[in-house]
PDB file of all heavy atoms in Angstrom:
ATOM      1  N   ARG A   1       0.587   1.586 -13.642  1.00  0.00           N
ATOM      2  CA  ARG A   1       1.837   1.019 -14.150  1.00  0.00           C
ATOM      3  C   ARG A   1       2.382   1.800 -15.313  1.00  0.00           C
ATOM      4  O   ARG A   1       1.731   2.266 -16.130  1.00  0.00           O
ATOM      5  CB  ARG A   1       1.639  -0.392 -14.602  1.00  0.00           C
ATOM      6  CG  ARG A   1       2.934  -1.087 -14.966  1.00  0.00           C
ATOM      7  CD  ARG A   1       2.712  -2.553 -15.371  1.00  0.00           C
ATOM      8  NE  ARG A   1       2.111  -3.413 -14.451  1.00  0.00           N
ATOM      9  CZ  ARG A   1       2.806  -3.947 -13.420  1.00  0.00           C
ATOM     10  NH1 ARG A   1       4.069  -3.740 -13.265  1.00  0.00           N
ATOM     11  NH2 ARG A   1       2.125  -4.713 -12.579  1.00  0.00           N
ATOM     12  N   GLY A   2       3.659   2.057 -15.179  1.00  0.00           N
ATOM     13  CA  GLY A   2       4.433   2.782 -16.227  1.00  0.00           C
ATOM     14  C   GLY A   2       5.454   1.855 -16.821  1.00  0.00           C
ATOM     15  O   GLY A   2       5.290   0.585 -16.776  1.00  0.00           O
ATOM     16  N   ALA A   3       6.467   2.417 -17.403  1.00  0.00           N
ATOM     17  CA  ALA A   3       7.511   1.642 -18.110  1.00  0.00           C
ATOM     18  C   ALA A   3       8.635   1.218 -17.179  1.00  0.00           C
ATOM     19  O   ALA A   3       9.551   0.499 -17.588  1.00  0.00           O
ATOM     20  CB  ALA A   3       8.074   2.467 -19.212  1.00  0.00           C
ATOM     21  N   THR A   4       8.639   1.588 -15.860  1.00  0.00           N
ATOM     22  CA  THR A   4       9.699   1.163 -15.001  1.00  0.00           C
ATOM     23  C   THR A   4       9.144   0.443 -13.827  1.00  0.00           C
ATOM     24  O   THR A   4       7.945   0.361 -13.663  1.00  0.00           O
ATOM     25  CB  THR A   4      10.384   2.500 -14.477  1.00  0.00           C
ATOM     26  OG1 THR A   4       9.433   3.195 -13.606  1.00  0.00           O
ATOM     27  CG2 THR A   4      10.841   3.375 -15.567  1.00  0.00           C
ATOM     28  N   PRO A   5      10.033  -0.186 -13.049  1.00  0.00           N
ATOM     29  CA  PRO A   5       9.602  -1.006 -11.886  1.00  0.00           C
ATOM     30  C   PRO A   5       9.152  -0.134 -10.673  1.00  0.00           C
ATOM     31  O   PRO A   5       8.770  -0.667  -9.625  1.00  0.00           O
ATOM     32  CB  PRO A   5      10.851  -1.822 -11.528  1.00  0.00           C
ATOM     33  CG  PRO A   5      11.893  -1.429 -12.364  1.00  0.00           C
ATOM     34  CD  PRO A   5      11.443  -0.391 -13.339  1.00  0.00           C
ATOM     35  N   HIS A   6       9.173   1.153 -10.781  1.00  0.00           N
ATOM     36  CA  HIS A   6       8.704   2.017  -9.733  1.00  0.00           C
ATOM     37  C   HIS A   6       7.303   1.677  -9.289  1.00  0.00           C
ATOM     38  O   HIS A   6       7.027   1.768  -8.087  1.00  0.00           O
ATOM     39  CB  HIS A   6       8.689   3.473 -10.293  1.00  0.00           C
ATOM     40  CG  HIS A   6       8.363   4.492  -9.247  1.00  0.00           C
ATOM     41  ND1 HIS A   6       9.251   4.830  -8.155  1.00  0.00           N
ATOM     42  CD2 HIS A   6       7.316   5.293  -9.140  1.00  0.00           C
ATOM     43  CE1 HIS A   6       8.673   5.701  -7.431  1.00  0.00           C
ATOM     44  NE2 HIS A   6       7.443   6.064  -7.928  1.00  0.00           N
ATOM     45  N   PHE A   7       6.420   1.372 -10.170  1.00  0.00           N
ATOM     46  CA  PHE A   7       5.050   0.927  -9.941  1.00  0.00           C
ATOM     47  C   PHE A   7       5.024  -0.112  -8.820  1.00  0.00           C
ATOM     48  O   PHE A   7       4.237  -0.050  -7.858  1.00  0.00           O
ATOM     49  CB  PHE A   7       4.359   0.412 -11.135  1.00  0.00           C
ATOM     50  CG  PHE A   7       3.071  -0.328 -10.918  1.00  0.00           C
ATOM     51  CD1 PHE A   7       1.855   0.380 -10.973  1.00  0.00           C
ATOM     52  CD2 PHE A   7       3.046  -1.657 -10.711  1.00  0.00           C
ATOM     53  CE1 PHE A   7       0.641  -0.247 -10.706  1.00  0.00           C
ATOM     54  CE2 PHE A   7       1.869  -2.347 -10.461  1.00  0.00           C
ATOM     55  CZ  PHE A   7       0.660  -1.605 -10.499  1.00  0.00           C
ATOM     56  N   ASP A   8       5.827  -1.228  -8.985  1.00  0.00           N
ATOM     57  CA  ASP A   8       5.850  -2.323  -8.044  1.00  0.00           C
ATOM     58  C   ASP A   8       6.217  -1.866  -6.668  1.00  0.00           C
ATOM     59  O   ASP A   8       5.625  -2.274  -5.686  1.00  0.00           O
ATOM     60  CB  ASP A   8       6.736  -3.439  -8.595  1.00  0.00           C
ATOM     61  CG  ASP A   8       6.218  -4.024  -9.879  1.00  0.00           C
ATOM     62  OD1 ASP A   8       5.023  -4.394  -9.904  1.00  0.00           O
ATOM     63  OD2 ASP A   8       7.047  -4.135 -10.780  1.00  0.00           O
ATOM     64  N   MET A   9       7.228  -1.080  -6.510  1.00  0.00           N
ATOM     65  CA  MET A   9       7.703  -0.545  -5.290  1.00  0.00           C
ATOM     66  C   MET A   9       6.667   0.213  -4.561  1.00  0.00           C
ATOM     67  O   MET A   9       6.345   0.006  -3.413  1.00  0.00           O
ATOM     68  CB  MET A   9       9.016   0.218  -5.451  1.00  0.00           C
ATOM     69  CG  MET A   9       9.707   0.667  -4.166  1.00  0.00           C
ATOM     70  SD  MET A   9       9.167   2.239  -3.520  1.00  0.00           S
ATOM     71  CE  MET A   9       9.600   3.385  -4.810  1.00  0.00           C
ATOM     72  N   VAL A  10       6.060   1.146  -5.277  1.00  0.00           N
ATOM     73  CA  VAL A  10       5.006   2.012  -4.642  1.00  0.00           C
ATOM     74  C   VAL A  10       3.779   1.242  -4.280  1.00  0.00           C
ATOM     75  O   VAL A  10       3.222   1.367  -3.199  1.00  0.00           O
ATOM     76  CB  VAL A  10       4.619   3.217  -5.654  1.00  0.00           C
ATOM     77  CG1 VAL A  10       3.466   4.002  -5.053  1.00  0.00           C
ATOM     78  CG2 VAL A  10       5.812   4.103  -5.789  1.00  0.00           C
ATOM     79  N   ALA A  11       3.344   0.343  -5.174  1.00  0.00           N
ATOM     80  CA  ALA A  11       2.137  -0.491  -4.823  1.00  0.00           C
ATOM     81  C   ALA A  11       2.379  -1.326  -3.654  1.00  0.00           C
ATOM     82  O   ALA A  11       1.586  -1.420  -2.728  1.00  0.00           O
ATOM     83  CB  ALA A  11       1.760  -1.315  -6.090  1.00  0.00           C
ATOM     84  N   ASN A  12       3.543  -2.037  -3.576  1.00  0.00           N
ATOM     85  CA  ASN A  12       3.781  -2.979  -2.523  1.00  0.00           C
ATOM     86  C   ASN A  12       4.059  -2.193  -1.224  1.00  0.00           C
ATOM     87  O   ASN A  12       3.486  -2.625  -0.164  1.00  0.00           O
ATOM     88  CB  ASN A  12       5.048  -3.813  -2.842  1.00  0.00           C
ATOM     89  CG  ASN A  12       4.793  -4.767  -4.022  1.00  0.00           C
ATOM     90  OD1 ASN A  12       3.744  -5.178  -4.216  1.00  0.00           O
ATOM     91  ND2 ASN A  12       5.883  -5.181  -4.654  1.00  0.00           N
ATOM     92  N   GLU A  13       4.754  -1.239  -1.203  1.00  0.00           N
ATOM     93  CA  GLU A  13       5.208  -0.515   0.098  1.00  0.00           C
ATOM     94  C   GLU A  13       3.953   0.250   0.665  1.00  0.00           C
ATOM     95  O   GLU A  13       3.763   0.264   1.834  1.00  0.00           O
ATOM     96  CB  GLU A  13       6.373   0.419  -0.122  1.00  0.00           C
ATOM     97  CG  GLU A  13       7.655  -0.306  -0.421  1.00  0.00           C
ATOM     98  CD  GLU A  13       7.957  -1.377   0.614  1.00  0.00           C
ATOM     99  OE1 GLU A  13       7.883  -1.057   1.832  1.00  0.00           O
ATOM    100  OE2 GLU A  13       8.335  -2.445   0.227  1.00  0.00           O
ATOM    101  N   SER A  14       3.086   0.808  -0.204  1.00  0.00           N
ATOM    102  CA  SER A  14       1.934   1.540   0.343  1.00  0.00           C
ATOM    103  C   SER A  14       0.989   0.420   0.943  1.00  0.00           C
ATOM    104  O   SER A  14       0.381   0.736   2.027  1.00  0.00           O
ATOM    105  CB  SER A  14       1.245   2.379  -0.718  1.00  0.00           C
ATOM    106  OG  SER A  14       0.791   1.561  -1.779  1.00  0.00           O
ATOM    107  N   ALA A  15       0.796  -0.645   0.276  1.00  0.00           N
ATOM    108  CA  ALA A  15      -0.080  -1.697   0.822  1.00  0.00           C
ATOM    109  C   ALA A  15       0.510  -2.219   2.131  1.00  0.00           C
ATOM    110  O   ALA A  15      -0.280  -2.374   3.153  1.00  0.00           O
ATOM    111  CB  ALA A  15      -0.228  -2.865  -0.112  1.00  0.00           C
ATOM    112  N   LYS A  16       1.772  -2.553   2.205  1.00  0.00           N
ATOM    113  CA  LYS A  16       2.404  -2.946   3.403  1.00  0.00           C
ATOM    114  C   LYS A  16       2.343  -1.941   4.571  1.00  0.00           C
ATOM    115  O   LYS A  16       1.990  -2.217   5.769  1.00  0.00           O
ATOM    116  CB  LYS A  16       3.830  -3.312   3.203  1.00  0.00           C
ATOM    117  CG  LYS A  16       4.582  -3.972   4.391  1.00  0.00           C
ATOM    118  CD  LYS A  16       5.878  -4.592   4.110  1.00  0.00           C
ATOM    119  CE  LYS A  16       6.855  -3.681   3.353  1.00  0.00           C
ATOM    120  NZ  LYS A  16       8.195  -4.209   3.212  1.00  0.00           N
ATOM    121  N   GLY A  17       2.504  -0.694   4.232  1.00  0.00           N
ATOM    122  CA  GLY A  17       2.419   0.386   5.187  1.00  0.00           C
ATOM    123  C   GLY A  17       1.008   0.609   5.743  1.00  0.00           C
ATOM    124  O   GLY A  17       0.832   0.870   6.956  1.00  0.00           O
ATOM    125  N   ILE A  18       0.054   0.419   4.928  1.00  0.00           N
ATOM    126  CA  ILE A  18      -1.361   0.535   5.357  1.00  0.00           C
ATOM    127  C   ILE A  18      -1.731  -0.567   6.311  1.00  0.00           C
ATOM    128  O   ILE A  18      -2.251  -0.295   7.389  1.00  0.00           O
ATOM    129  CB  ILE A  18      -2.386   0.569   4.115  1.00  0.00           C
ATOM    130  CG1 ILE A  18      -2.173   1.923   3.382  1.00  0.00           C
ATOM    131  CG2 ILE A  18      -3.746   0.374   4.571  1.00  0.00           C
ATOM    132  CD1 ILE A  18      -2.876   1.921   2.044  1.00  0.00           C
ATOM    133  N   ALA A  19      -1.338  -1.778   5.997  1.00  0.00           N
ATOM    134  CA  ALA A  19      -1.599  -2.927   6.951  1.00  0.00           C
ATOM    135  C   ALA A  19      -0.795  -2.742   8.232  1.00  0.00           C
ATOM    136  O   ALA A  19      -1.372  -2.975   9.314  1.00  0.00           O
ATOM    137  CB  ALA A  19      -1.149  -4.216   6.184  1.00  0.00           C
ATOM    138  N   THR A  20       0.390  -2.225   8.205  1.00  0.00           N
ATOM    139  CA  THR A  20       1.076  -1.994   9.340  1.00  0.00           C
ATOM    140  C   THR A  20       0.490  -0.824  10.270  1.00  0.00           C
ATOM    141  O   THR A  20       0.464  -0.977  11.462  1.00  0.00           O
ATOM    142  CB  THR A  20       2.537  -1.514   9.023  1.00  0.00           C
ATOM    143  OG1 THR A  20       3.236  -2.589   8.323  1.00  0.00           O
ATOM    144  CG2 THR A  20       3.415  -1.176  10.284  1.00  0.00           C
ATOM    145  N   ALA A  21      -0.001   0.157   9.609  1.00  0.00           N
ATOM    146  CA  ALA A  21      -0.787   1.253  10.376  1.00  0.00           C
ATOM    147  C   ALA A  21      -1.968   0.714  11.078  1.00  0.00           C
ATOM    148  O   ALA A  21      -2.170   1.053  12.274  1.00  0.00           O
ATOM    149  CB  ALA A  21      -1.230   2.296   9.396  1.00  0.00           C
ATOM    150  N   SER A  22      -2.635  -0.192  10.483  1.00  0.00           N
ATOM    151  CA  SER A  22      -3.796  -0.756  11.144  1.00  0.00           C
ATOM    152  C   SER A  22      -3.380  -1.654  12.305  1.00  0.00           C
ATOM    153  O   SER A  22      -3.947  -1.585  13.426  1.00  0.00           O
ATOM    154  CB  SER A  22      -4.617  -1.591  10.140  1.00  0.00           C
ATOM    155  OG  SER A  22      -5.875  -2.004  10.694  1.00  0.00           O
ATOM    156  N   LEU A  23      -2.452  -2.516  12.079  1.00  0.00           N
ATOM    157  CA  LEU A  23      -1.989  -3.489  13.098  1.00  0.00           C
ATOM    158  C   LEU A  23      -1.375  -2.750  14.292  1.00  0.00           C
ATOM    159  O   LEU A  23      -1.568  -3.083  15.416  1.00  0.00           O
ATOM    160  CB  LEU A  23      -1.063  -4.465  12.507  1.00  0.00           C
ATOM    161  CG  LEU A  23      -1.631  -5.464  11.517  1.00  0.00           C
ATOM    162  CD1 LEU A  23      -0.572  -6.347  10.849  1.00  0.00           C
ATOM    163  CD2 LEU A  23      -2.682  -6.335  12.164  1.00  0.00           C
ATOM    164  N   ARG A  24      -0.547  -1.698  14.014  1.00  0.00           N
ATOM    165  CA  ARG A  24       0.107  -0.926  15.107  1.00  0.00           C
ATOM    166  C   ARG A  24      -0.927  -0.148  15.979  1.00  0.00           C
ATOM    167  O   ARG A  24      -0.730  -0.016  17.150  1.00  0.00           O
ATOM    168  CB  ARG A  24       1.083   0.021  14.546  1.00  0.00           C
ATOM    169  CG  ARG A  24       2.467  -0.522  14.417  1.00  0.00           C
ATOM    170  CD  ARG A  24       3.459   0.536  14.249  1.00  0.00           C
ATOM    171  NE  ARG A  24       4.680   0.002  13.715  1.00  0.00           N
ATOM    172  CZ  ARG A  24       5.629   0.624  13.089  1.00  0.00           C
ATOM    173  NH1 ARG A  24       5.479   1.860  12.906  1.00  0.00           N
ATOM    174  NH2 ARG A  24       6.649  -0.017  12.619  1.00  0.00           N
ATOM    175  N   SER A  25      -1.828   0.497  15.318  1.00  0.00           N
ATOM    176  CA  SER A  25      -2.781   1.335  15.988  1.00  0.00           C
ATOM    177  C   SER A  25      -4.000   0.589  16.566  1.00  0.00           C
ATOM    178  O   SER A  25      -4.619   1.041  17.555  1.00  0.00           O
ATOM    179  CB  SER A  25      -3.284   2.478  14.949  1.00  0.00           C
ATOM    180  OG  SER A  25      -4.084   1.853  14.005  1.00  0.00           O
ATOM    181  N   GLY A  26      -4.366  -0.542  15.966  1.00  0.00           N
ATOM    182  CA  GLY A  26      -5.633  -1.276  16.450  1.00  0.00           C
ATOM    183  C   GLY A  26      -6.764  -0.634  15.921  1.00  0.00           C
ATOM    184  O   GLY A  26      -7.956  -0.920  16.315  1.00  0.00           O
ATOM    185  N   VAL A  27      -6.653   0.295  14.971  1.00  0.00           N
ATOM    186  CA  VAL A  27      -7.756   1.067  14.323  1.00  0.00           C
ATOM    187  C   VAL A  27      -7.903   0.536  12.894  1.00  0.00           C
ATOM    188  O   VAL A  27      -6.842   0.364  12.223  1.00  0.00           O
ATOM    189  CB  VAL A  27      -7.528   2.627  14.305  1.00  0.00           C
ATOM    190  CG1 VAL A  27      -8.513   3.347  13.511  1.00  0.00           C
ATOM    191  CG2 VAL A  27      -7.426   3.061  15.752  1.00  0.00           C
ATOM    192  N   PRO A  28      -9.109   0.250  12.409  1.00  0.00           N
ATOM    193  CA  PRO A  28      -9.244  -0.147  10.980  1.00  0.00           C
ATOM    194  C   PRO A  28      -8.703   0.881  10.050  1.00  0.00           C
ATOM    195  O   PRO A  28      -9.122   2.062  10.109  1.00  0.00           O
ATOM    196  CB  PRO A  28     -10.768  -0.345  10.834  1.00  0.00           C
ATOM    197  CG  PRO A  28     -11.314  -0.554  12.187  1.00  0.00           C
ATOM    198  CD  PRO A  28     -10.400   0.261  13.086  1.00  0.00           C
ATOM    199  N   VAL A  29      -7.839   0.405   9.188  1.00  0.00           N
ATOM    200  CA  VAL A  29      -7.250   1.292   8.147  1.00  0.00           C
ATOM    201  C   VAL A  29      -7.459   0.492   6.788  1.00  0.00           C
ATOM    202  O   VAL A  29      -6.893  -0.581   6.643  1.00  0.00           O
ATOM    203  CB  VAL A  29      -5.753   1.641   8.355  1.00  0.00           C
ATOM    204  CG1 VAL A  29      -5.262   2.479   7.273  1.00  0.00           C
ATOM    205  CG2 VAL A  29      -5.564   2.287   9.743  1.00  0.00           C
ATOM    206  N   THR A  30      -8.321   1.038   5.944  1.00  0.00           N
ATOM    207  CA  THR A  30      -8.616   0.249   4.759  1.00  0.00           C
ATOM    208  C   THR A  30      -7.803   0.780   3.511  1.00  0.00           C
ATOM    209  O   THR A  30      -7.503   2.010   3.467  1.00  0.00           O
ATOM    210  CB  THR A  30     -10.149   0.299   4.461  1.00  0.00           C
ATOM    211  OG1 THR A  30     -10.583   1.700   4.295  1.00  0.00           O
ATOM    212  CG2 THR A  30     -10.927  -0.287   5.619  1.00  0.00           C
ATOM    213  N   ASN A  31      -7.652  -0.080   2.559  1.00  0.00           N
ATOM    214  CA  ASN A  31      -6.822   0.172   1.430  1.00  0.00           C
ATOM    215  C   ASN A  31      -7.716   0.334   0.219  1.00  0.00           C
ATOM    216  O   ASN A  31      -8.152  -0.579  -0.368  1.00  0.00           O
ATOM    217  CB  ASN A  31      -5.771  -0.999   1.203  1.00  0.00           C
ATOM    218  CG  ASN A  31      -4.787  -0.648   0.043  1.00  0.00           C
ATOM    219  OD1 ASN A  31      -4.988   0.228  -0.672  1.00  0.00           O
ATOM    220  ND2 ASN A  31      -3.794  -1.454  -0.009  1.00  0.00           N
ATOM    221  N   GLY A  32      -7.843   1.615  -0.215  1.00  0.00           N
ATOM    222  CA  GLY A  32      -8.534   1.941  -1.419  1.00  0.00           C
ATOM    223  C   GLY A  32      -7.625   2.492  -2.446  1.00  0.00           C
ATOM    224  O   GLY A  32      -8.094   3.367  -3.241  1.00  0.00           O
ATOM    225  N   ILE A  33      -6.406   2.019  -2.491  1.00  0.00           N
ATOM    226  CA  ILE A  33      -5.434   2.522  -3.464  1.00  0.00           C
ATOM    227  C   ILE A  33      -5.560   1.566  -4.683  1.00  0.00           C
ATOM    228  O   ILE A  33      -5.300   0.363  -4.651  1.00  0.00           O
ATOM    229  CB  ILE A  33      -4.010   2.503  -2.974  1.00  0.00           C
ATOM    230  CG1 ILE A  33      -3.893   3.509  -1.790  1.00  0.00           C
ATOM    231  CG2 ILE A  33      -3.025   2.874  -4.065  1.00  0.00           C
ATOM    232  CD1 ILE A  33      -2.526   3.465  -1.077  1.00  0.00           C
ATOM    233  N   LEU A  34      -5.892   2.186  -5.866  1.00  0.00           N
ATOM    234  CA  LEU A  34      -5.905   1.395  -7.070  1.00  0.00           C
ATOM    235  C   LEU A  34      -4.564   1.135  -7.556  1.00  0.00           C
ATOM    236  O   LEU A  34      -3.672   1.951  -7.449  1.00  0.00           O
ATOM    237  CB  LEU A  34      -6.663   2.145  -8.194  1.00  0.00           C
ATOM    238  CG  LEU A  34      -8.067   2.626  -7.905  1.00  0.00           C
ATOM    239  CD1 LEU A  34      -8.572   3.418  -9.112  1.00  0.00           C
ATOM    240  CD2 LEU A  34      -9.002   1.469  -7.615  1.00  0.00           C
ATOM    241  N   THR A  35      -4.325  -0.073  -7.980  1.00  0.00           N
ATOM    242  CA  THR A  35      -3.068  -0.500  -8.624  1.00  0.00           C
ATOM    243  C   THR A  35      -3.512  -1.137  -9.902  1.00  0.00           C
ATOM    244  O   THR A  35      -3.914  -2.303 -10.066  1.00  0.00           O
ATOM    245  CB  THR A  35      -2.245  -1.461  -7.751  1.00  0.00           C
ATOM    246  OG1 THR A  35      -3.087  -2.578  -7.364  1.00  0.00           O
ATOM    247  CG2 THR A  35      -1.775  -0.800  -6.513  1.00  0.00           C
ATOM    248  N   THR A  36      -3.292  -0.349 -11.032  1.00  0.00           N
ATOM    249  CA  THR A  36      -3.807  -0.733 -12.358  1.00  0.00           C
ATOM    250  C   THR A  36      -2.641  -0.758 -13.370  1.00  0.00           C
ATOM    251  O   THR A  36      -1.668  -0.094 -13.211  1.00  0.00           O
ATOM    252  CB  THR A  36      -4.938   0.111 -12.798  1.00  0.00           C
ATOM    253  OG1 THR A  36      -4.508   1.426 -12.965  1.00  0.00           O
ATOM    254  CG2 THR A  36      -6.151   0.076 -11.822  1.00  0.00           C
TER     255      THR A  36
END
């Protein structure tokens, strides 16, 4: 997290994209992205 809302956008969209990748492909895609 920094001083702008950029953190929220990157954290949310990367998590949503990872879930979508797993669901679309049928292959396990795990999220090890730290959001601190």
